[in-house]
Amino acid sequence: MSEPNDSQTETVNTRPIRIFDTTLRDGEQSPGASMNLAEKLEVASALAEMGVDVIEAGFPIASPGDFESVRQIASTVRGSTICGLARCNDKDIDRAWEALKVAPSSRIHVFLATSAIHREFKLRMSTDEIVERAVSGVKRAASYCDDVEFSPEDACRTEHDFLCRVVEAAIDAGATTINVPDTVGYATPSEIYDRFAMLMNRVPNIDKAILSTHCHDDLGMAVANSLAAVSAGAGQIECTINGIGERAGNAALEEVVMAMKTREDFYHLTTNIDTKRLVPMSRLVSKTTGINVQRNKAIVGRNAFAHESGIHQDGMLKERSTYEIMSPEEVGFSKTDLVLGKHSGRAALADRAKQLGYTLTGEQLQEVFDRFKELADKKKEIYDGDIMALVQQQISGPIVAQWSLIDYEVTSARNKTPDVRVTLGHGGQEFTEQVSQGDGPIDAAFWAVEKITGIELVCKDFRVRSATLGRDAIGEVNLEVEHKGRTFRGIGASTDSVESTILAMLNAINRIMVGQDDPAEGDLAHP
């Protein structure tokens, strides 16, 4: 698998690759990832809008709920082929077709294990019986629809000769797609490449079907294996959003798609995926399944386009391509995030201060930078409000808290609107507001504080953690809020979660108030 030279690059045509998404079937098999009907319909519609070629909507025989979800998706979702999974037996296949028949474009996906270990310990069937069962299953599926996929389960641990025999027989029986799954995530990229190349060369009727790859991530090679398969001639990749799935999961759709797009010069492959929908799609699946995306996840992780290193930030400010091989906008992020932390340099600090409306002299920048480094040693991320506070402190001394909590009272009960009375102090005066609205006491507290201070906040992140042990533990609330396009952080701690929330809000609001006060004339100038 060597990279083509320049002369080869000029003459190679781009080949389309089908994207087969199995988030709703294999992905839902992740522990704790079950979705209800409404959630599956929402995800399926979003997948179709994103340009997925085939949506594997479920395993209709598995349960009445799975059957109904496949039927509903087949009835309502347009733009993608809707697929249902079935074992190679009549009841499974009949049930799959009953769910799929209303779809304008449908596919029955039948499977049967072929490896020696599965034949001996799971199926207890001979090779002849396996071939006979596979052929029977494919023929029954083909009697219902023209689009039939066959998967020899555990294909990557199946003997080459027997795999070729099964694949050839399945194609003769009517299979239009042959999926070669690495069911247990055992193969390596070179092995996958060789296996697909072997099938392309040895199966005489292989030109009558599209080869597909379905790789699990048990050894962390699902994406690499999928790309090796298409390099060897496969025309379809089976994958899931965020790489969810059984055990360690599947090949991540967003990663294989962006690998082919970003390195089109190498792979010469293309897909129908609208890549700007990748991040929204990732967040939808994460929200629906409750499975969080790790910060450093490729393509869609929060840190995928975030830079903290001073050297990297300096390069990014001069030329984005120095440290980014694709743009964040290309996958659905709004922009690159230059995260300010202890590894950041003066260039990034000066750039952020300028974005916030300040132009610093060399001496001012150095003084603020020194304090910035001290603060960065104490906290992981520096927010816009922190930068404003550092700048303001440099020109006019330490910040004095403008709003403080005097008292609060909350009444809340199940199925009743919460009632909150909050009293805040400001400039030697007290201000009280009582509200009866919100989804709970914390939401009501947000409303009350906003009404008193006159500052509207958009809550971007809300985290509560126990700062001490025991039933009377102190709860620390960490808020990340947005005000007029700027991000601020607030922290509050109390044994009462409502009080912690109010204190965190006031902490953020006092930082915002610093940003609303113009710097002293002559010290700093707004550009």
Protein backbone atom coordinates (compact mmCIF):
# COMPACT_ATOMS: atom_id res chain seq x y z
CA MET A 1 0.00 0.00 0.00
CA SER A 2 2.51 2.59 -1.10
CA GLU A 3 1.50 6.17 -1.84
CA PRO A 4 1.19 6.89 -5.58
CA ASN A 5 3.78 9.17 -7.15
CA ASP A 6 2.92 12.49 -8.81
CA SER A 7 2.46 11.01 -12.27
CA GLN A 8 0.07 8.37 -10.92
CA THR A 9 -1.88 11.00 -8.99
CA GLU A 10 -2.61 12.92 -12.17
CA THR A 11 -4.16 9.94 -13.96
CA VAL A 12 -6.13 8.18 -11.18
CA ASN A 13 -9.89 8.86 -11.16
CA THR A 14 -11.82 9.41 -7.95
CA ARG A 15 -13.94 6.38 -6.96
CA PRO A 16 -17.20 6.73 -4.97
CA ILE A 17 -17.51 4.83 -1.69
CA ARG A 18 -20.89 3.99 -0.17
CA ILE A 19 -21.35 4.85 3.50
CA PHE A 20 -23.42 2.24 5.34
CA ASP A 21 -24.35 3.54 8.79
CA THR A 22 -25.24 1.01 11.47
CA THR A 23 -25.59 3.37 14.44
CA LEU A 24 -29.21 2.32 14.91
CA ARG A 25 -28.38 -1.39 14.84
CA ASP A 26 -24.80 -2.22 15.86
CA GLY A 27 -24.35 1.13 17.59
CA GLU A 28 -27.47 0.62 19.71
CA GLN A 29 -25.96 -2.63 20.94
CA SER A 30 -23.54 -0.58 23.05
CA PRO A 31 -24.46 -1.13 26.71
CA GLY A 32 -26.78 1.66 27.80
CA ALA A 33 -27.24 3.07 24.30
CA SER A 34 -30.82 1.93 23.64
CA MET A 35 -33.04 4.48 21.87
CA ASN A 36 -36.80 4.80 21.77
CA LEU A 37 -38.81 5.11 18.56
CA ALA A 38 -38.88 8.92 18.47
CA GLU A 39 -35.11 9.08 19.04
CA LYS A 40 -34.42 6.53 16.30
CA LEU A 41 -36.57 8.47 13.84
CA GLU A 42 -34.71 11.69 14.66
CA VAL A 43 -31.30 10.05 14.20
CA ALA A 44 -32.36 8.28 10.98
CA SER A 45 -33.69 11.52 9.47
CA ALA A 46 -30.45 13.32 10.34
CA LEU A 47 -28.39 10.51 8.80
CA ALA A 48 -30.36 10.73 5.56
CA GLU A 49 -30.00 14.51 5.45
CA MET A 50 -26.24 14.11 5.97
CA GLY A 51 -26.01 11.91 2.86
CA VAL A 52 -25.64 8.39 4.27
CA ASP A 53 -26.23 5.88 1.45
CA VAL A 54 -27.57 2.98 3.54
CA ILE A 55 -29.09 3.18 7.03
CA GLU A 56 -29.20 -0.13 8.90
CA ALA A 57 -32.28 0.66 10.97
CA GLY A 58 -32.32 -2.41 13.17
CA PHE A 59 -32.83 -6.15 13.59
CA PRO A 60 -36.60 -6.60 13.07
CA ILE A 61 -36.86 -10.13 14.53
CA ALA A 62 -35.11 -9.05 17.76
CA SER A 63 -38.19 -7.50 19.39
CA PRO A 64 -41.55 -5.88 18.59
CA GLY A 65 -39.97 -2.50 19.33
CA ASP A 66 -37.11 -3.11 16.90
CA PHE A 67 -39.57 -4.24 14.21
CA GLU A 68 -41.71 -1.13 14.66
CA SER A 69 -38.75 1.24 14.58
CA VAL A 70 -37.50 -0.28 11.32
CA ARG A 71 -41.00 -0.12 9.84
CA GLN A 72 -41.48 3.52 10.88
CA ILE A 73 -38.09 4.54 9.53
CA ALA A 74 -38.83 2.72 6.27
CA SER A 75 -42.17 4.55 6.09
CA THR A 76 -40.91 8.08 6.76
CA VAL A 77 -37.22 8.51 5.99
CA ARG A 78 -36.30 9.39 2.42
CA GLY A 79 -33.01 9.80 0.58
CA SER A 80 -31.26 6.70 1.92
CA THR A 81 -31.69 2.95 1.42
CA ILE A 82 -33.22 1.47 4.58
CA CYS A 83 -31.74 -1.84 5.66
CA GLY A 84 -32.82 -4.51 8.12
CA LEU A 85 -30.64 -7.30 9.53
CA ALA A 86 -31.64 -10.97 9.48
CA ARG A 87 -30.04 -14.30 10.20
CA CYS A 88 -30.09 -16.86 7.41
CA ASN A 89 -33.43 -18.36 8.34
CA ASP A 90 -36.90 -17.89 6.92
CA LYS A 91 -38.54 -16.29 9.96
CA ASP A 92 -35.85 -13.59 10.28
CA ILE A 93 -35.93 -12.76 6.57
CA ASP A 94 -39.73 -12.69 6.36
CA ARG A 95 -39.91 -10.41 9.40
CA ALA A 96 -37.26 -8.09 7.96
CA TRP A 97 -39.15 -7.75 4.68
CA GLU A 98 -42.44 -7.10 6.50
CA ALA A 99 -40.77 -4.09 8.17
CA LEU A 100 -38.92 -2.88 5.07
CA LYS A 101 -41.44 -3.32 2.25
CA VAL A 102 -42.91 0.19 2.58
CA ALA A 103 -39.54 1.86 1.89
CA PRO A 104 -38.92 3.28 -1.61
CA SER A 105 -35.42 1.80 -1.39
CA SER A 106 -34.80 -1.18 0.88
CA ARG A 107 -32.13 -3.79 1.57
CA ILE A 108 -32.19 -7.09 3.44
CA HIS A 109 -28.88 -7.87 5.15
CA VAL A 110 -28.47 -11.57 5.93
CA PHE A 111 -25.56 -13.07 7.85
CA LEU A 112 -24.13 -16.42 8.86
CA ALA A 113 -20.91 -17.24 10.71
CA THR A 114 -18.19 -18.95 8.64
CA SER A 115 -15.01 -19.17 10.74
CA ALA A 116 -13.85 -22.53 12.08
CA ILE A 117 -14.28 -21.43 15.69
CA HIS A 118 -17.88 -20.35 15.04
CA ARG A 119 -18.67 -23.45 13.00
CA GLU A 120 -17.42 -25.74 15.73
CA PHE A 121 -18.55 -24.04 18.94
CA LYS A 122 -21.54 -21.87 17.99
CA LEU A 123 -23.28 -23.36 14.97
CA ARG A 124 -22.04 -26.96 15.09
CA MET A 125 -22.39 -27.11 11.31
CA SER A 126 -20.16 -28.43 8.53
CA THR A 127 -18.81 -26.28 5.71
CA ASP A 128 -21.33 -27.80 3.29
CA GLU A 129 -24.20 -27.00 5.66
CA ILE A 130 -22.93 -23.41 6.01
CA VAL A 131 -22.89 -22.91 2.25
CA GLU A 132 -26.33 -24.47 1.87
CA ARG A 133 -27.79 -22.25 4.62
CA ALA A 134 -26.17 -19.11 3.19
CA VAL A 135 -27.47 -19.78 -0.32
CA SER A 136 -30.97 -20.51 0.99
CA GLY A 137 -31.01 -17.29 3.03
CA VAL A 138 -29.78 -15.11 0.18
CA LYS A 139 -32.29 -16.62 -2.26
CA ARG A 140 -35.20 -16.01 0.10
CA ALA A 141 -34.13 -12.39 0.64
CA ALA A 142 -33.68 -11.92 -3.12
CA SER A 143 -37.23 -13.14 -3.68
CA TYR A 144 -38.41 -10.04 -1.80
CA CYS A 145 -36.07 -7.32 -3.06
CA ASP A 146 -33.23 -6.79 -5.52
CA ASP A 147 -30.83 -5.30 -2.95
CA VAL A 148 -29.44 -8.12 -0.78
CA GLU A 149 -26.32 -8.01 1.37
CA PHE A 150 -24.63 -11.12 2.72
CA SER A 151 -22.14 -11.16 5.60
CA PRO A 152 -19.99 -14.20 6.43
CA GLU A 153 -19.68 -13.41 10.14
CA ASP A 154 -16.10 -13.53 11.48
CA ALA A 155 -14.87 -13.46 7.87
CA CYS A 156 -11.43 -12.21 8.87
CA ARG A 157 -10.80 -15.44 10.81
CA THR A 158 -12.26 -17.67 8.09
CA GLU A 159 -9.98 -19.85 5.93
CA HIS A 160 -9.32 -18.21 2.54
CA ASP A 161 -10.52 -21.16 0.45
CA PHE A 162 -13.78 -21.53 2.34
CA LEU A 163 -14.42 -17.79 2.40
CA CYS A 164 -14.03 -17.66 -1.41
CA ARG A 165 -16.42 -20.58 -1.76
CA VAL A 166 -19.12 -18.98 0.42
CA VAL A 167 -18.80 -15.56 -1.23
CA GLU A 168 -19.05 -17.02 -4.74
CA ALA A 169 -22.12 -19.07 -3.78
CA ALA A 170 -23.82 -16.08 -2.14
CA ILE A 171 -23.30 -13.94 -5.25
CA ASP A 172 -24.66 -16.69 -7.48
CA ALA A 173 -27.71 -16.86 -5.18
CA GLY A 174 -28.45 -13.16 -5.65
CA ALA A 175 -26.31 -11.16 -3.18
CA THR A 176 -25.48 -7.73 -4.57
CA THR A 177 -23.24 -6.69 -1.67
CA ILE A 178 -20.76 -8.93 0.14
CA ASN A 179 -19.71 -7.65 3.54
CA VAL A 180 -16.43 -9.01 4.95
CA PRO A 181 -16.59 -8.21 8.66
CA ASP A 182 -13.75 -8.14 11.15
CA THR A 183 -16.31 -9.18 13.76
CA VAL A 184 -13.97 -9.30 16.75
CA GLY A 185 -11.53 -6.52 15.76
CA TYR A 186 -8.63 -8.95 15.42
CA ALA A 187 -7.19 -8.09 12.00
CA THR A 188 -4.45 -5.61 11.08
CA PRO A 189 -4.54 -3.20 8.12
CA SER A 190 -2.13 -5.28 6.04
CA GLU A 191 -4.16 -8.44 6.70
CA ILE A 192 -7.39 -6.69 5.73
CA TYR A 193 -5.81 -5.36 2.55
CA ASP A 194 -4.52 -8.81 1.59
CA ARG A 195 -7.87 -10.50 2.33
CA PHE A 196 -9.86 -8.07 0.19
CA ALA A 197 -7.29 -8.20 -2.61
CA MET A 198 -7.47 -12.00 -2.43
CA LEU A 199 -11.27 -11.97 -2.82
CA MET A 200 -11.03 -9.52 -5.72
CA ASN A 201 -8.58 -11.85 -7.48
CA ARG A 202 -9.93 -15.30 -6.63
CA VAL A 203 -13.75 -15.05 -6.64
CA PRO A 204 -14.76 -15.37 -10.33
CA ASN A 205 -18.10 -13.52 -10.03
CA ILE A 206 -16.89 -10.79 -7.68
CA ASP A 207 -17.63 -8.16 -10.36
CA LYS A 208 -21.35 -8.80 -9.83
CA ALA A 209 -21.29 -7.53 -6.22
CA ILE A 210 -19.88 -4.68 -4.18
CA LEU A 211 -17.44 -5.62 -1.44
CA SER A 212 -18.08 -4.04 1.94
CA THR A 213 -16.02 -3.73 5.13
CA HIS A 214 -17.32 -3.78 8.71
CA CYS A 215 -14.53 -3.42 11.28
CA HIS A 216 -14.68 -3.49 15.06
CA ASP A 217 -12.24 -1.53 17.19
CA ASP A 218 -11.07 -4.06 19.78
CA LEU A 219 -7.41 -3.34 18.96
CA GLY A 220 -8.02 0.29 18.01
CA MET A 221 -7.60 -0.34 14.27
CA ALA A 222 -11.18 -0.18 12.94
CA VAL A 223 -10.69 3.02 10.95
CA ALA A 224 -7.28 1.99 9.60
CA ASN A 225 -8.67 -1.43 8.65
CA SER A 226 -11.66 0.12 6.88
CA LEU A 227 -9.40 2.39 4.85
CA ALA A 228 -7.15 -0.56 3.99
CA ALA A 229 -10.20 -2.45 2.70
CA VAL A 230 -11.31 0.32 0.34
CA SER A 231 -7.72 0.73 -0.82
CA ALA A 232 -7.86 -2.94 -1.84
CA GLY A 233 -11.10 -2.49 -3.78
CA ALA A 234 -14.03 -2.45 -1.33
CA GLY A 235 -16.83 -0.11 -2.37
CA GLN A 236 -18.68 0.27 0.94
CA ILE A 237 -17.67 1.08 4.53
CA GLU A 238 -19.94 0.08 7.42
CA CYS A 239 -19.52 2.42 10.36
CA THR A 240 -21.26 4.29 13.19
CA ILE A 241 -21.44 7.85 14.46
CA ASN A 242 -18.79 8.43 17.14
CA GLY A 243 -17.65 4.83 16.59
CA ILE A 244 -20.21 3.43 19.05
CA GLY A 245 -21.03 -0.27 19.01
CA GLU A 246 -20.49 -3.57 20.74
CA ARG A 247 -17.46 -3.86 23.05
CA ALA A 248 -14.89 -1.28 21.82
CA GLY A 249 -17.21 -0.11 19.06
CA ASN A 250 -17.02 0.21 15.27
CA ALA A 251 -15.16 2.30 12.74
CA ALA A 252 -16.20 5.93 13.28
CA LEU A 253 -18.09 7.36 10.31
CA GLU A 254 -16.68 10.85 10.80
CA GLU A 255 -13.11 9.55 10.81
CA VAL A 256 -13.28 7.38 7.70
CA VAL A 257 -15.13 10.08 5.76
CA MET A 258 -12.70 12.86 6.67
CA ALA A 259 -9.68 10.62 6.08
CA MET A 260 -10.84 9.99 2.52
CA LYS A 261 -11.72 13.65 1.98
CA THR A 262 -8.59 15.16 3.54
CA ARG A 263 -6.29 12.61 1.86
CA GLU A 264 -8.10 12.38 -1.46
CA ASP A 265 -4.67 12.83 -3.04
CA PHE A 266 -3.73 9.44 -1.57
CA TYR A 267 -6.97 7.43 -1.59
CA HIS A 268 -8.71 8.94 -4.65
CA LEU A 269 -12.04 8.15 -3.00
CA THR A 270 -15.13 10.25 -2.37
CA THR A 271 -18.47 9.95 -0.51
CA ASN A 272 -21.89 11.61 -0.55
CA ILE A 273 -21.55 12.83 3.05
CA ASP A 274 -22.17 16.53 3.80
CA THR A 275 -19.22 16.87 6.19
CA LYS A 276 -20.50 20.12 7.71
CA ARG A 277 -23.15 18.01 9.43
CA LEU A 278 -20.64 15.73 11.18
CA VAL A 279 -20.35 17.68 14.44
CA PRO A 280 -24.14 18.25 14.81
CA MET A 281 -24.69 14.56 14.01
CA SER A 282 -22.12 13.52 16.60
CA ARG A 283 -23.76 15.68 19.26
CA LEU A 284 -27.22 14.35 18.41
CA VAL A 285 -26.11 10.73 18.84
CA SER A 286 -24.19 11.57 22.01
CA LYS A 287 -27.24 13.32 23.48
CA THR A 288 -29.61 10.53 22.42
CA THR A 289 -27.52 7.61 23.68
CA GLY A 290 -25.99 9.32 26.70
CA ILE A 291 -22.52 8.24 25.57
CA ASN A 292 -20.20 11.23 25.82
CA VAL A 293 -17.60 11.98 23.18
CA GLN A 294 -14.07 12.16 24.61
CA ARG A 295 -12.49 15.59 24.31
CA ASN A 296 -9.59 14.39 22.15
CA LYS A 297 -11.80 12.36 19.78
CA ALA A 298 -10.70 12.85 16.17
CA ILE A 299 -12.86 15.14 14.00
CA VAL A 300 -15.73 15.77 16.44
CA GLY A 301 -14.07 15.94 19.88
CA ARG A 302 -14.06 19.25 21.74
CA ASN A 303 -10.26 19.42 21.46
CA ALA A 304 -10.06 18.37 17.79
CA PHE A 305 -9.50 21.99 16.71
CA ALA A 306 -8.24 23.41 20.01
CA HIS A 307 -4.64 24.57 20.47
CA GLU A 308 -2.97 25.43 23.78
CA SER A 309 0.74 25.11 23.02
CA GLY A 310 2.34 28.53 22.58
CA ILE A 311 4.36 27.32 19.58
CA HIS A 312 1.23 25.92 17.93
CA GLN A 313 -0.81 29.04 18.67
CA ASP A 314 1.88 31.30 17.22
CA GLY A 315 1.93 29.17 14.06
CA MET A 316 -1.88 29.16 13.84
CA LEU A 317 -2.04 32.95 14.11
CA LYS A 318 0.43 33.26 11.23
CA GLU A 319 -0.89 30.49 8.97
CA ARG A 320 -3.66 28.04 9.91
CA SER A 321 -2.30 25.18 7.83
CA THR A 322 0.82 25.00 10.02
CA TYR A 323 -1.09 22.90 12.56
CA GLU A 324 -4.50 22.11 11.02
CA ILE A 325 -4.90 19.69 8.11
CA MET A 326 -8.60 20.51 7.73
CA SER A 327 -10.76 23.46 8.75
CA PRO A 328 -13.16 23.24 11.70
CA GLU A 329 -15.91 24.75 9.53
CA GLU A 330 -15.54 21.79 7.16
CA VAL A 331 -16.89 19.36 9.78
CA GLY A 332 -19.39 21.64 11.52
CA PHE A 333 -17.44 23.54 14.16
CA SER A 334 -17.77 27.33 14.07
CA LYS A 335 -14.06 28.11 14.46
CA THR A 336 -10.66 27.07 15.75
CA ASP A 337 -10.30 27.39 19.51
CA LEU A 338 -7.03 28.81 20.79
CA VAL A 339 -7.30 27.62 24.38
CA LEU A 340 -5.40 29.78 26.82
CA GLY A 341 -3.55 27.76 29.43
CA LYS A 342 -0.14 27.35 30.99
CA HIS A 343 1.40 26.32 27.65
CA SER A 344 0.16 29.41 25.79
CA GLY A 345 2.46 32.20 24.72
CA ARG A 346 2.34 36.00 24.51
CA ALA A 347 1.14 35.96 20.89
CA ALA A 348 -2.05 34.09 21.77
CA LEU A 349 -2.68 36.27 24.82
CA ALA A 350 -2.24 39.47 22.80
CA ASP A 351 -4.56 38.13 20.09
CA ARG A 352 -7.28 37.22 22.61
CA ALA A 353 -6.99 40.60 24.35
CA LYS A 354 -7.38 42.32 20.97
CA GLN A 355 -10.48 40.24 20.22
CA LEU A 356 -11.90 41.41 23.55
CA GLY A 357 -11.37 45.05 22.59
CA TYR A 358 -7.98 45.87 24.06
CA THR A 359 -4.70 46.90 22.47
CA LEU A 360 -1.81 46.35 24.86
CA THR A 361 1.56 48.05 24.79
CA GLY A 362 4.63 45.83 25.06
CA GLU A 363 5.07 46.63 28.74
CA GLN A 364 1.39 46.10 29.55
CA LEU A 365 1.38 42.80 27.68
CA GLN A 366 4.39 41.55 29.64
CA GLU A 367 2.81 42.46 33.00
CA VAL A 368 -0.50 40.84 32.08
CA PHE A 369 1.33 37.81 30.68
CA ASP A 370 3.24 37.30 33.93
CA ARG A 371 -0.01 37.31 35.93
CA PHE A 372 -1.61 35.12 33.27
CA LYS A 373 1.09 32.46 33.76
CA GLU A 374 0.56 32.53 37.52
CA LEU A 375 -3.17 32.00 37.05
CA ALA A 376 -2.63 29.29 34.43
CA ASP A 377 -0.65 27.24 36.94
CA LYS A 378 -3.74 27.19 39.16
CA LYS A 379 -6.48 26.40 36.64
CA LYS A 380 -6.66 24.31 33.47
CA GLU A 381 -8.31 26.84 31.15
CA ILE A 382 -8.33 30.63 31.07
CA TYR A 383 -11.62 32.16 29.94
CA ASP A 384 -12.39 35.52 28.38
CA GLY A 385 -13.60 36.84 31.72
CA ASP A 386 -10.27 35.88 33.28
CA ILE A 387 -8.38 37.81 30.61
CA MET A 388 -10.56 40.88 31.18
CA ALA A 389 -9.98 40.61 34.91
CA LEU A 390 -6.20 40.39 34.44
CA VAL A 391 -6.17 43.40 32.13
CA GLN A 392 -8.42 45.42 34.43
CA GLN A 393 -6.32 44.49 37.45
CA GLN A 394 -3.20 45.67 35.64
CA ILE A 395 -4.64 49.14 35.04
CA SER A 396 -6.79 49.74 38.09
CA GLY A 397 -5.93 47.22 40.79
CA PRO A 398 -7.85 44.13 42.00
CA ILE A 399 -11.48 43.56 41.06
CA VAL A 400 -14.06 44.35 43.72
CA ALA A 401 -17.05 42.06 43.64
CA GLN A 402 -19.96 44.18 42.45
CA TRP A 403 -22.78 41.73 43.18
CA SER A 404 -22.99 39.59 46.32
CA LEU A 405 -25.56 37.16 47.71
CA ILE A 406 -27.46 38.42 50.77
CA ASP A 407 -30.23 35.85 51.08
CA TYR A 408 -32.38 33.44 49.14
CA GLU A 409 -35.42 31.26 49.72
CA VAL A 410 -36.70 28.46 47.52
CA THR A 411 -39.88 26.40 47.43
CA SER A 412 -40.05 23.43 45.10
CA ALA A 413 -42.13 20.29 44.75
CA ARG A 414 -42.77 17.59 42.17
CA ASN A 415 -45.06 18.71 39.34
CA LYS A 416 -45.20 22.26 40.74
CA THR A 417 -43.64 25.46 39.45
CA PRO A 418 -40.68 26.43 41.68
CA ASP A 419 -40.79 29.67 43.66
CA VAL A 420 -37.52 31.49 44.41
CA ARG A 421 -36.83 34.76 46.24
CA VAL A 422 -33.29 36.12 45.90
CA THR A 423 -31.74 39.16 47.55
CA LEU A 424 -28.46 40.53 46.18
CA GLY A 425 -26.21 43.30 47.36
CA HIS A 426 -24.67 45.94 45.08
CA GLY A 427 -23.06 49.28 45.94
CA GLY A 428 -24.31 49.23 49.52
CA GLN A 429 -27.91 48.56 48.46
CA GLU A 430 -30.04 45.42 48.49
CA PHE A 431 -32.22 44.22 45.62
CA THR A 432 -34.84 41.46 45.87
CA GLU A 433 -36.62 39.55 43.16
CA GLN A 434 -39.18 36.76 43.49
CA VAL A 435 -39.97 34.51 40.53
CA SER A 436 -42.31 31.58 40.00
CA GLN A 437 -41.07 30.02 36.78
CA GLY A 438 -38.52 27.57 35.42
CA ASP A 439 -38.04 23.82 35.24
CA GLY A 440 -36.74 23.59 38.80
CA PRO A 441 -35.20 25.63 41.63
CA ILE A 442 -31.87 26.07 39.85
CA ASP A 443 -33.54 27.30 36.65
CA ALA A 444 -35.70 29.65 38.75
CA ALA A 445 -32.57 30.97 40.49
CA PHE A 446 -31.09 31.77 37.07
CA TRP A 447 -34.18 33.80 36.19
CA ALA A 448 -34.13 35.72 39.48
CA VAL A 449 -30.44 36.64 39.28
CA GLU A 450 -30.77 37.72 35.63
CA LYS A 451 -33.73 39.97 36.50
CA ILE A 452 -31.91 41.64 39.37
CA THR A 453 -28.60 42.20 37.60
CA GLY A 454 -30.05 42.89 34.15
CA ILE A 455 -27.46 40.57 32.62
CA GLU A 456 -28.69 37.75 30.39
CA LEU A 457 -26.62 34.58 30.31
CA VAL A 458 -26.56 31.58 27.99
CA CYS A 459 -25.47 28.53 29.99
CA LYS A 460 -23.00 26.52 27.88
CA ASP A 461 -21.82 24.10 30.56
CA PHE A 462 -23.06 23.30 34.09
CA ARG A 463 -21.15 20.88 36.28
CA VAL A 464 -21.59 19.93 39.92
CA ARG A 465 -19.03 17.98 41.89
CA SER A 466 -18.53 17.05 45.51
CA ALA A 467 -15.66 19.09 46.92
CA THR A 468 -15.66 17.15 50.22
CA LEU A 469 -16.81 13.75 51.50
CA GLY A 470 -19.90 12.73 53.42
CA ARG A 471 -23.63 13.41 53.30
CA ASP A 472 -23.03 17.07 54.17
CA ALA A 473 -20.42 17.47 51.42
CA ILE A 474 -19.75 20.86 49.90
CA GLY A 475 -20.99 20.96 46.32
CA GLU A 476 -18.94 22.97 43.84
CA VAL A 477 -20.75 24.35 40.80
CA ASN A 478 -18.71 25.18 37.70
CA LEU A 479 -20.51 27.30 35.13
CA GLU A 480 -19.48 28.23 31.62
CA VAL A 481 -21.74 31.00 30.33
CA GLU A 482 -21.88 33.17 27.24
CA HIS A 483 -22.75 36.87 27.28
CA LYS A 484 -22.80 38.91 24.07
CA GLY A 485 -20.64 36.34 22.28
CA ARG A 486 -18.00 36.12 25.03
CA THR A 487 -17.34 33.18 27.32
CA PHE A 488 -17.07 33.51 31.10
CA ARG A 489 -16.60 31.03 33.89
CA GLY A 490 -18.07 31.09 37.38
CA ILE A 491 -17.42 28.93 40.44
CA GLY A 492 -19.51 28.67 43.60
CA ALA A 493 -19.36 26.31 46.57
CA SER A 494 -21.89 25.51 49.29
CA THR A 495 -23.56 22.55 50.95
CA ASP A 496 -26.72 23.71 49.10
CA SER A 497 -26.75 23.25 45.32
CA VAL A 498 -29.01 26.26 44.74
CA GLU A 499 -26.71 28.52 46.74
CA SER A 500 -23.68 27.10 44.88
CA THR A 501 -25.40 27.94 41.60
CA ILE A 502 -26.22 31.51 42.61
CA LEU A 503 -22.65 32.07 43.83
CA ALA A 504 -21.26 30.67 40.56
CA MET A 505 -23.56 32.96 38.57
CA LEU A 506 -22.47 36.02 40.55
CA ASN A 507 -18.84 35.02 40.12
CA ALA A 508 -19.36 34.99 36.35
CA ILE A 509 -21.46 38.18 36.36
CA ASN A 510 -18.80 40.11 38.28
CA ARG A 511 -16.30 39.10 35.61
CA ILE A 512 -18.74 40.30 32.96
CA MET A 513 -19.14 43.62 34.78
CA VAL A 514 -15.38 44.14 34.56
CA GLY A 515 -15.59 43.70 30.81
CA GLN A 516 -18.38 46.29 30.54
CA ASP A 517 -16.32 48.98 32.29
CA ASP A 518 -14.15 50.87 29.81
CA PRO A 519 -10.44 50.92 30.72
CA ALA A 520 -8.97 54.13 32.10
CA GLU A 521 -8.31 56.63 29.36
CA GLY A 522 -4.66 56.73 28.35
CA ASP A 523 -3.85 53.29 29.73
CA LEU A 524 -5.57 51.10 27.15
CA ALA A 525 -7.30 52.10 23.96
CA HIS A 526 -10.10 50.29 22.17
CA PRO A 527 -9.16 49.75 18.52
